[in-house]
PDB file of N, CA and C in Angstrom:
ATOM      1  N   UNK A   1      14.300  16.016 -28.236  1.00  0.00           N
ATOM      2  CA  UNK A   1      14.425  16.493 -26.287  1.00  0.00           C
ATOM      3  C   UNK A   1      14.144  15.375 -25.964  1.00  0.00           C
ATOM      4  N   UNK A   2      12.970  14.881 -26.189  1.00  0.00           N
ATOM      5  CA  UNK A   2      12.601  13.616 -25.057  1.00  0.00           C
ATOM      6  C   UNK A   2      13.057  11.825 -25.714  1.00  0.00           C
ATOM      7  N   UNK A   3      13.733  12.487 -26.961  1.00  0.00           N
ATOM      8  CA  UNK A   3      13.778  10.716 -27.641  1.00  0.00           C
ATOM      9  C   UNK A   3      15.467  10.517 -26.872  1.00  0.00           C
ATOM     10  N   UNK A   4      16.040  10.951 -25.691  1.00  0.00           N
ATOM     11  CA  UNK A   4      17.137  10.559 -25.446  1.00  0.00           C
ATOM     12  C   UNK A   4      17.437   9.193 -24.746  1.00  0.00           C
ATOM     13  N   UNK A   5      18.414   8.464 -24.667  1.00  0.00           N
ATOM     14  CA  UNK A   5      18.772   7.443 -24.376  1.00  0.00           C
ATOM     15  C   UNK A   5      19.745   7.341 -23.120  1.00  0.00           C
ATOM     16  N   UNK A   6      19.494   7.393 -22.238  1.00  0.00           N
ATOM     17  CA  UNK A   6      21.192   6.914 -21.031  1.00  0.00           C
ATOM     18  C   UNK A   6      21.713   5.809 -20.808  1.00  0.00           C
ATOM     19  N   UNK A   7      23.202   5.738 -21.506  1.00  0.00           N
ATOM     20  CA  UNK A   7      23.700   4.497 -20.683  1.00  0.00           C
ATOM     21  C   UNK A   7      23.698   4.797 -19.283  1.00  0.00           C
ATOM     22  N   UNK A   8      23.492   3.191 -18.549  1.00  0.00           N
ATOM     23  CA  UNK A   8      23.688   2.822 -17.125  1.00  0.00           C
ATOM     24  C   UNK A   8      24.311   1.575 -17.386  1.00  0.00           C
ATOM     25  N   UNK A   9      24.998   1.265 -18.433  1.00  0.00           N
ATOM     26  CA  UNK A   9      26.168   0.387 -18.546  1.00  0.00           C
ATOM     27  C   UNK A   9      26.974   0.356 -16.836  1.00  0.00           C
ATOM     28  N   UNK A  10      27.539   0.987 -16.760  1.00  0.00           N
ATOM     29  CA  UNK A  10      28.549   1.288 -15.877  1.00  0.00           C
ATOM     30  C   UNK A  10      27.998   0.983 -14.200  1.00  0.00           C
ATOM     31  N   UNK A  11      26.459   1.459 -14.073  1.00  0.00           N
ATOM     32  CA  UNK A  11      25.667   0.769 -12.711  1.00  0.00           C
ATOM     33  C   UNK A  11      25.901  -0.543 -12.964  1.00  0.00           C
ATOM     34  N   UNK A  12      25.329  -0.705 -13.935  1.00  0.00           N
ATOM     35  CA  UNK A  12      25.255  -2.549 -14.319  1.00  0.00           C
ATOM     36  C   UNK A  12      26.497  -3.146 -13.984  1.00  0.00           C
ATOM     37  N   UNK A  13      27.275  -2.382 -14.388  1.00  0.00           N
ATOM     38  CA  UNK A  13      29.008  -3.532 -14.189  1.00  0.00           C
ATOM     39  C   UNK A  13      29.268  -3.369 -12.480  1.00  0.00           C
ATOM     40  N   UNK A  14      28.918  -2.078 -12.054  1.00  0.00           N
ATOM     41  CA  UNK A  14      29.419  -1.671 -10.245  1.00  0.00           C
ATOM     42  C   UNK A  14      28.152  -3.133  -9.479  1.00  0.00           C
ATOM     43  N   UNK A  15      26.687  -3.021 -10.242  1.00  0.00           N
ATOM     44  CA  UNK A  15      26.046  -3.902  -9.294  1.00  0.00           C
ATOM     45  C   UNK A  15      25.809  -5.148 -10.130  1.00  0.00           C
ATOM     46  N   UNK A  16      25.642  -5.206 -10.870  1.00  0.00           N
ATOM     47  CA  UNK A  16      25.503  -6.888 -11.566  1.00  0.00           C
ATOM     48  C   UNK A  16      24.167  -7.581 -11.017  1.00  0.00           C
ATOM     49  N   UNK A  17      24.425  -8.389 -12.287  1.00  0.00           N
ATOM     50  CA  UNK A  17      23.426  -9.725 -11.149  1.00  0.00           C
ATOM     51  C   UNK A  17      21.794  -9.286 -11.853  1.00  0.00           C
ATOM     52  N   UNK A  18      21.228  -7.915 -12.063  1.00  0.00           N
ATOM     53  CA  UNK A  18      20.219  -7.722 -12.738  1.00  0.00           C
ATOM     54  C   UNK A  18      19.526  -8.295 -14.330  1.00  0.00           C
ATOM     55  N   UNK A  19      18.497  -8.755 -14.432  1.00  0.00           N
ATOM     56  CA  UNK A  19      17.575  -8.729 -15.927  1.00  0.00           C
ATOM     57  C   UNK A  19      16.646  -7.502 -16.153  1.00  0.00           C
ATOM     58  N   UNK A  20      16.274  -6.806 -16.840  1.00  0.00           N
ATOM     59  CA  UNK A  20      15.453  -6.132 -17.313  1.00  0.00           C
ATOM     60  C   UNK A  20      14.446  -6.264 -18.353  1.00  0.00           C
ATOM     61  N   UNK A  21      13.370  -6.162 -18.004  1.00  0.00           N
ATOM     62  CA  UNK A  21      12.100  -6.677 -18.571  1.00  0.00           C
ATOM     63  C   UNK A  21      11.542  -5.654 -19.432  1.00  0.00           C
ATOM     64  N   UNK A  22      11.108  -5.848 -20.425  1.00  0.00           N
ATOM     65  CA  UNK A  22      10.228  -4.509 -21.385  1.00  0.00           C
ATOM     66  C   UNK A  22       9.189  -4.684 -19.912  1.00  0.00           C
ATOM     67  N   UNK A  23       8.924  -3.158 -20.059  1.00  0.00           N
ATOM     68  CA  UNK A  23       7.559  -3.121 -18.739  1.00  0.00           C
ATOM     69  C   UNK A  23       6.196  -4.303 -18.926  1.00  0.00           C
ATOM     70  N   UNK A  24       5.734  -3.667 -20.171  1.00  0.00           N
ATOM     71  CA  UNK A  24       5.051  -4.760 -20.676  1.00  0.00           C
ATOM     72  C   UNK A  24       4.838  -6.118 -19.950  1.00  0.00           C
ATOM     73  N   UNK A  25       5.948  -7.065 -20.454  1.00  0.00           N
ATOM     74  CA  UNK A  25       6.660  -8.210 -20.249  1.00  0.00           C
ATOM     75  C   UNK A  25       6.109  -8.035 -18.479  1.00  0.00           C
ATOM     76  N   UNK A  26       7.253  -7.461 -18.069  1.00  0.00           N
ATOM     77  CA  UNK A  26       6.916  -7.662 -16.907  1.00  0.00           C
ATOM     78  C   UNK A  26       5.991  -7.317 -15.831  1.00  0.00           C
ATOM     79  N   UNK A  27       5.269  -6.359 -16.335  1.00  0.00           N
ATOM     80  CA  UNK A  27       3.222  -5.881 -15.904  1.00  0.00           C
ATOM     81  C   UNK A  27       2.626  -7.354 -15.736  1.00  0.00           C
ATOM     82  N   UNK A  28       2.518  -8.114 -17.204  1.00  0.00           N
ATOM     83  CA  UNK A  28       1.914  -9.258 -17.507  1.00  0.00           C
ATOM     84  C   UNK A  28       2.670 -10.413 -16.050  1.00  0.00           C
ATOM     85  N   UNK A  29       3.593 -10.195 -16.658  1.00  0.00           N
ATOM     86  CA  UNK A  29       4.257 -11.546 -15.121  1.00  0.00           C
ATOM     87  C   UNK A  29       3.721 -11.211 -13.930  1.00  0.00           C
ATOM     88  N   UNK A  30       3.965 -10.391 -13.471  1.00  0.00           N
ATOM     89  CA  UNK A  30       3.324 -10.160 -12.119  1.00  0.00           C
ATOM     90  C   UNK A  30       1.608 -10.208 -11.905  1.00  0.00           C
ATOM     91  N   UNK A  31       0.875  -9.254 -12.578  1.00  0.00           N
ATOM     92  CA  UNK A  31      -0.131 -10.185 -12.536  1.00  0.00           C
ATOM     93  C   UNK A  31      -0.611 -11.455 -12.325  1.00  0.00           C
ATOM     94  N   UNK A  32      -0.261 -12.128 -13.465  1.00  0.00           N
ATOM     95  CA  UNK A  32      -0.507 -13.820 -13.540  1.00  0.00           C
ATOM     96  C   UNK A  32      -0.408 -14.182 -12.189  1.00  0.00           C
ATOM     97  N   UNK A  33       0.935 -13.728 -11.761  1.00  0.00           N
ATOM     98  CA  UNK A  33       1.308 -14.529 -10.313  1.00  0.00           C
ATOM     99  C   UNK A  33       0.667 -14.227  -9.419  1.00  0.00           C
ATOM    100  N   UNK A  34      -0.092 -12.822  -9.426  1.00  0.00           N
ATOM    101  CA  UNK A  34      -0.432 -12.429  -8.528  1.00  0.00           C
ATOM    102  C   UNK A  34      -1.766 -13.035  -8.969  1.00  0.00           C
ATOM    103  N   UNK A  35      -2.573 -12.807  -9.414  1.00  0.00           N
ATOM    104  CA  UNK A  35      -4.309 -13.602 -10.318  1.00  0.00           C
ATOM    105  C   UNK A  35      -3.710 -15.153  -9.797  1.00  0.00           C
ATOM    106  N   UNK A  36      -2.866 -15.777  -9.607  1.00  0.00           N
ATOM    107  CA  UNK A  36      -2.940 -17.224  -9.708  1.00  0.00           C
ATOM    108  C   UNK A  36      -2.654 -17.403  -7.913  1.00  0.00           C
ATOM    109  N   UNK A  37      -1.998 -16.599  -7.096  1.00  0.00           N
ATOM    110  CA  UNK A  37      -2.072 -17.099  -5.554  1.00  0.00           C
ATOM    111  C   UNK A  37      -1.737 -15.421  -5.422  1.00  0.00           C
ATOM    112  N   UNK A  38      -3.388 -14.956  -5.037  1.00  0.00           N
ATOM    113  CA  UNK A  38      -3.906 -13.846  -4.609  1.00  0.00           C
ATOM    114  C   UNK A  38      -4.075 -13.420  -3.224  1.00  0.00           C
ATOM    115  N   UNK A  39      -2.477 -12.201  -2.410  1.00  0.00           N
ATOM    116  CA  UNK A  39      -2.296 -12.088  -1.899  1.00  0.00           C
ATOM    117  C   UNK A  39      -2.253 -10.789  -1.011  1.00  0.00           C
ATOM    118  N   UNK A  40      -3.540 -10.370  -0.002  1.00  0.00           N
ATOM    119  CA  UNK A  40      -3.665  -9.079   0.304  1.00  0.00           C
ATOM    120  C   UNK A  40      -3.175  -8.929   1.446  1.00  0.00           C
ATOM    121  N   UNK A  41      -2.226  -7.667   2.179  1.00  0.00           N
ATOM    122  CA  UNK A  41      -2.128  -7.090   3.152  1.00  0.00           C
ATOM    123  C   UNK A  41      -3.041  -6.734   3.932  1.00  0.00           C
ATOM    124  N   UNK A  42      -3.138  -6.800   5.455  1.00  0.00           N
ATOM    125  CA  UNK A  42      -4.034  -6.645   6.363  1.00  0.00           C
ATOM    126  C   UNK A  42      -3.888  -5.485   6.286  1.00  0.00           C
ATOM    127  N   UNK A  43      -5.218  -4.426   6.651  1.00  0.00           N
ATOM    128  CA  UNK A  43      -5.283  -2.875   6.708  1.00  0.00           C
ATOM    129  C   UNK A  43      -4.912  -2.600   8.289  1.00  0.00           C
ATOM    130  N   UNK A  44      -4.641  -1.067   8.222  1.00  0.00           N
ATOM    131  CA  UNK A  44      -3.822  -0.872   9.663  1.00  0.00           C
ATOM    132  C   UNK A  44      -5.195  -0.314  10.106  1.00  0.00           C
ATOM    133  N   UNK A  45      -6.319  -0.460  11.075  1.00  0.00           N
ATOM    134  CA  UNK A  45      -7.040   0.470  11.078  1.00  0.00           C
ATOM    135  C   UNK A  45      -6.699   2.031  11.601  1.00  0.00           C
ATOM    136  N   UNK A  46      -6.025   1.948  12.120  1.00  0.00           N
ATOM    137  CA  UNK A  46      -5.556   3.469  12.511  1.00  0.00           C
ATOM    138  C   UNK A  46      -4.719   3.935  11.194  1.00  0.00           C
ATOM    139  N   UNK A  47      -4.089   4.236  10.823  1.00  0.00           N
ATOM    140  CA  UNK A  47      -3.397   4.201   9.290  1.00  0.00           C
ATOM    141  C   UNK A  47      -4.777   4.968   8.605  1.00  0.00           C
ATOM    142  N   UNK A  48      -5.687   3.754   8.105  1.00  0.00           N
ATOM    143  CA  UNK A  48      -6.625   4.022   6.950  1.00  0.00           C
ATOM    144  C   UNK A  48      -7.830   4.502   8.047  1.00  0.00           C
ATOM    145  N   UNK A  49      -8.126   4.493   9.169  1.00  0.00           N
ATOM    146  CA  UNK A  49      -9.108   5.790  10.184  1.00  0.00           C
ATOM    147  C   UNK A  49      -8.518   6.609   9.432  1.00  0.00           C
ATOM    148  N   UNK A  50      -7.478   7.391   9.877  1.00  0.00           N
ATOM    149  CA  UNK A  50      -6.293   8.856   9.418  1.00  0.00           C
ATOM    150  C   UNK A  50      -6.066   9.488   8.235  1.00  0.00           C
ATOM    151  N   UNK A  51      -6.334   8.266   7.132  1.00  0.00           N
ATOM    152  CA  UNK A  51      -6.295   8.515   5.837  1.00  0.00           C
ATOM    153  C   UNK A  51      -8.162   9.248   5.493  1.00  0.00           C
ATOM    154  N   UNK A  52      -8.723   8.115   6.202  1.00  0.00           N
ATOM    155  CA  UNK A  52      -9.797   8.744   5.861  1.00  0.00           C
ATOM    156  C   UNK A  52     -10.616  10.175   5.939  1.00  0.00           C
ATOM    157  N   UNK A  53     -10.276   9.689   7.758  1.00  0.00           N
ATOM    158  CA  UNK A  53     -10.500  11.288   7.801  1.00  0.00           C
ATOM    159  C   UNK A  53     -10.166  13.179   6.944  1.00  0.00           C
ATOM    160  N   UNK A  54      -9.083  12.655   6.477  1.00  0.00           N
ATOM    161  CA  UNK A  54      -8.464  13.607   6.015  1.00  0.00           C
ATOM    162  C   UNK A  54      -8.742  13.469   4.501  1.00  0.00           C
ATOM    163  N   UNK A  55      -9.114  12.521   4.629  1.00  0.00           N
ATOM    164  CA  UNK A  55      -9.688  12.726   2.221  1.00  0.00           C
ATOM    165  C   UNK A  55     -11.368  12.247   2.131  1.00  0.00           C
ATOM    166  N   UNK A  56     -11.771  12.283   3.688  1.00  0.00           N
ATOM    167  CA  UNK A  56     -13.256  12.456   3.464  1.00  0.00           C
ATOM    168  C   UNK A  56     -13.677  10.908   2.818  1.00  0.00           C
ATOM    169  N   UNK A  57     -13.243  10.019   2.459  1.00  0.00           N
ATOM    170  CA  UNK A  57     -13.646   9.063   2.330  1.00  0.00           C
ATOM    171  C   UNK A  57     -14.075   8.001   3.743  1.00  0.00           C
ATOM    172  N   UNK A  58     -14.366   6.832   3.363  1.00  0.00           N
ATOM    173  CA  UNK A  58     -14.964   5.977   4.076  1.00  0.00           C
ATOM    174  C   UNK A  58     -14.822   4.528   4.027  1.00  0.00           C
ATOM    175  N   UNK A  59     -13.675   3.249   4.470  1.00  0.00           N
ATOM    176  CA  UNK A  59     -13.595   2.286   4.407  1.00  0.00           C
ATOM    177  C   UNK A  59     -14.569   1.233   5.017  1.00  0.00           C
ATOM    178  N   UNK A  60     -15.054   0.716   4.222  1.00  0.00           N
ATOM    179  CA  UNK A  60     -16.364  -0.539   5.348  1.00  0.00           C
ATOM    180  C   UNK A  60     -15.669  -1.119   6.513  1.00  0.00           C
ATOM    181  N   UNK A  61     -16.681  -0.951   6.538  1.00  0.00           N
ATOM    182  CA  UNK A  61     -16.660  -1.806   8.328  1.00  0.00           C
ATOM    183  C   UNK A  61     -16.484  -3.327   8.476  1.00  0.00           C
ATOM    184  N   UNK A  62     -17.193  -4.029   7.268  1.00  0.00           N
ATOM    185  CA  UNK A  62     -16.744  -5.073   6.993  1.00  0.00           C
ATOM    186  C   UNK A  62     -15.557  -5.766   6.652  1.00  0.00           C
ATOM    187  N   UNK A  63     -14.499  -4.714   5.976  1.00  0.00           N
ATOM    188  CA  UNK A  63     -13.049  -5.005   6.134  1.00  0.00           C
ATOM    189  C   UNK A  63     -12.289  -5.510   7.185  1.00  0.00           C
ATOM    190  N   UNK A  64     -12.106  -5.017   7.854  1.00  0.00           N
ATOM    191  CA  UNK A  64     -12.171  -5.104   9.887  1.00  0.00           C
ATOM    192  C   UNK A  64     -12.841  -6.276  10.099  1.00  0.00           C
ATOM    193  N   UNK A  65     -11.962  -7.116  10.273  1.00  0.00           N
ATOM    194  CA  UNK A  65     -12.075  -8.914  10.587  1.00  0.00           C
ATOM    195  C   UNK A  65     -12.772  -8.926  12.527  1.00  0.00           C
ATOM    196  N   UNK A  66     -12.063  -7.892  12.997  1.00  0.00           N
ATOM    197  CA  UNK A  66     -12.478  -8.045  14.535  1.00  0.00           C
ATOM    198  C   UNK A  66     -13.254  -6.707  14.375  1.00  0.00           C
ATOM    199  N   UNK A  67     -13.903  -6.661  16.341  1.00  0.00           N
ATOM    200  CA  UNK A  67     -14.752  -5.819  17.027  1.00  0.00           C
ATOM    201  C   UNK A  67     -13.548  -4.287  17.186  1.00  0.00           C
ATOM    202  N   UNK A  68     -12.811  -4.934  17.840  1.00  0.00           N
ATOM    203  CA  UNK A  68     -11.548  -3.893  18.182  1.00  0.00           C
ATOM    204  C   UNK A  68     -10.922  -2.992  17.248  1.00  0.00           C
ATOM    205  N   UNK A  69     -10.835  -3.544  15.907  1.00  0.00           N
ATOM    206  CA  UNK A  69     -10.174  -3.110  14.366  1.00  0.00           C
ATOM    207  C   UNK A  69     -11.646  -1.934  14.244  1.00  0.00           C
ATOM    208  N   UNK A  70     -12.884  -2.789  13.978  1.00  0.00           N
ATOM    209  CA  UNK A  70     -13.315  -1.704  13.635  1.00  0.00           C
ATOM    210  C   UNK A  70     -13.366   0.037  14.863  1.00  0.00           C
ATOM    211  N   UNK A  71     -14.186  -0.356  16.301  1.00  0.00           N
ATOM    212  CA  UNK A  71     -13.607   0.572  16.674  1.00  0.00           C
ATOM    213  C   UNK A  71     -12.627   1.486  16.814  1.00  0.00           C
ATOM    214  N   UNK A  72     -11.251   1.320  16.616  1.00  0.00           N
ATOM    215  CA  UNK A  72     -10.408   1.346  16.379  1.00  0.00           C
ATOM    216  C   UNK A  72     -10.495   2.210  15.094  1.00  0.00           C
ATOM    217  N   UNK A  73     -10.995   1.818  14.056  1.00  0.00           N
ATOM    218  CA  UNK A  73     -10.886   2.631  12.581  1.00  0.00           C
ATOM    219  C   UNK A  73     -12.685   4.121  13.261  1.00  0.00           C
ATOM    220  N   UNK A  74     -12.878   3.338  13.502  1.00  0.00           N
ATOM    221  CA  UNK A  74     -13.963   4.410  13.482  1.00  0.00           C
ATOM    222  C   UNK A  74     -13.641   5.773  14.444  1.00  0.00           C
ATOM    223  N   UNK A  75     -12.391   5.507  15.794  1.00  0.00           N
ATOM    224  CA  UNK A  75     -12.005   6.619  16.536  1.00  0.00           C
ATOM    225  C   UNK A  75     -11.157   7.045  15.824  1.00  0.00           C
ATOM    226  N   UNK A  76      -9.896   6.534  14.877  1.00  0.00           N
ATOM    227  CA  UNK A  76      -9.307   7.524  13.927  1.00  0.00           C
ATOM    228  C   UNK A  76      -9.787   8.527  13.224  1.00  0.00           C
ATOM    229  N   UNK A  77     -11.486   7.896  12.915  1.00  0.00           N
ATOM    230  CA  UNK A  77     -12.058   8.331  11.632  1.00  0.00           C
ATOM    231  C   UNK A  77     -12.817   9.711  12.240  1.00  0.00           C
ATOM    232  N   UNK A  78     -13.236   9.605  13.251  1.00  0.00           N
ATOM    233  CA  UNK A  78     -13.436  11.033  13.647  1.00  0.00           C
ATOM    234  C   UNK A  78     -12.609  11.357  14.399  1.00  0.00           C
ATOM    235  N   UNK A  79     -11.722  11.320  14.729  1.00  0.00           N
ATOM    236  CA  UNK A  79     -10.612  12.666  15.878  1.00  0.00           C
ATOM    237  C   UNK A  79      -8.984  11.950  15.692  1.00  0.00           C
ATOM    238  N   UNK A  80      -8.692  11.930  14.689  1.00  0.00           N
ATOM    239  CA  UNK A  80      -7.156  10.775  14.628  1.00  0.00           C
ATOM    240  C   UNK A  80      -6.481  12.030  15.195  1.00  0.00           C
ATOM    241  N   UNK A  81      -6.517  13.059  15.702  1.00  0.00           N
ATOM    242  CA  UNK A  81      -5.369  14.017  16.455  1.00  0.00           C
ATOM    243  C   UNK A  81      -5.480  13.897  17.970  1.00  0.00           C
ATOM    244  N   UNK A  82      -7.093  13.714  18.530  1.00  0.00           N
ATOM    245  CA  UNK A  82      -7.002  13.115  19.261  1.00  0.00           C
ATOM    246  C   UNK A  82      -6.348  11.614  19.794  1.00  0.00           C
ATOM    247  N   UNK A  83      -6.327  11.075  19.214  1.00  0.00           N
ATOM    248  CA  UNK A  83      -6.157   9.695  19.154  1.00  0.00           C
ATOM    249  C   UNK A  83      -4.568   9.443  19.451  1.00  0.00           C
ATOM    250  N   UNK A  84      -4.061  10.422  18.659  1.00  0.00           N
ATOM    251  CA  UNK A  84      -2.808  10.231  18.232  1.00  0.00           C
ATOM    252  C   UNK A  84      -2.273  11.183  19.882  1.00  0.00           C
ATOM    253  N   UNK A  85      -2.760  11.756  20.717  1.00  0.00           N
ATOM    254  CA  UNK A  85      -2.164  12.858  21.675  1.00  0.00           C
ATOM    255  C   UNK A  85      -2.371  11.755  23.115  1.00  0.00           C
ATOM    256  N   UNK A  86      -3.455  10.967  22.543  1.00  0.00           N
ATOM    257  CA  UNK A  86      -3.851   9.997  23.699  1.00  0.00           C
ATOM    258  C   UNK A  86      -2.573   8.933  23.886  1.00  0.00           C
ATOM    259  N   UNK A  87      -2.362   8.030  22.746  1.00  0.00           N
ATOM    260  CA  UNK A  87      -1.641   7.382  22.716  1.00  0.00           C
ATOM    261  C   UNK A  87      -0.271   7.685  23.383  1.00  0.00           C
ATOM    262  N   UNK A  88       0.281   8.940  22.727  1.00  0.00           N
ATOM    263  CA  UNK A  88       1.048   9.496  23.208  1.00  0.00           C
ATOM    264  C   UNK A  88       1.524   9.731  24.933  1.00  0.00           C
ATOM    265  N   UNK A  89       0.388  10.474  25.160  1.00  0.00           N
ATOM    266  CA  UNK A  89      -0.205  10.762  26.913  1.00  0.00           C
ATOM    267  C   UNK A  89       0.515   8.931  27.247  1.00  0.00           C
ATOM    268  N   UNK A  90      -0.490   8.063  26.558  1.00  0.00           N
ATOM    269  CA  UNK A  90      -0.238   6.236  27.227  1.00  0.00           C
ATOM    270  C   UNK A  90       1.256   5.450  27.512  1.00  0.00           C
ATOM    271  N   UNK A  91       2.032   6.264  26.520  1.00  0.00           N
ATOM    272  CA  UNK A  91       3.235   5.870  26.363  1.00  0.00           C
ATOM    273  C   UNK A  91       4.317   6.512  27.494  1.00  0.00           C
ATOM    274  N   UNK A  92       3.866   7.692  27.465  1.00  0.00           N
ATOM    275  CA  UNK A  92       4.348   8.845  29.043  1.00  0.00           C
ATOM    276  C   UNK A  92       5.348   7.897  30.411  1.00  0.00           C
TER     277      UNK A  92
END
């Protein structure tokens, strides 16, 4: 039951232009290119604070480059609902 194979040739004919790799080869290429040029996207202090509030985690403050981002993180970490209401009130 779990060894089924599906034919996706109609989809490939309709979309075209895709090359599929074995997952281990694709992951190795992806990791190799990332390790060669490691680029991390910046943290959103409001989102991180809200996530950390609900997950009971704590992001180290040295991961935020500015004092403004650190304060924003701490405000959202301690009271995300109040901060959301404040932003809604400010935007009215």
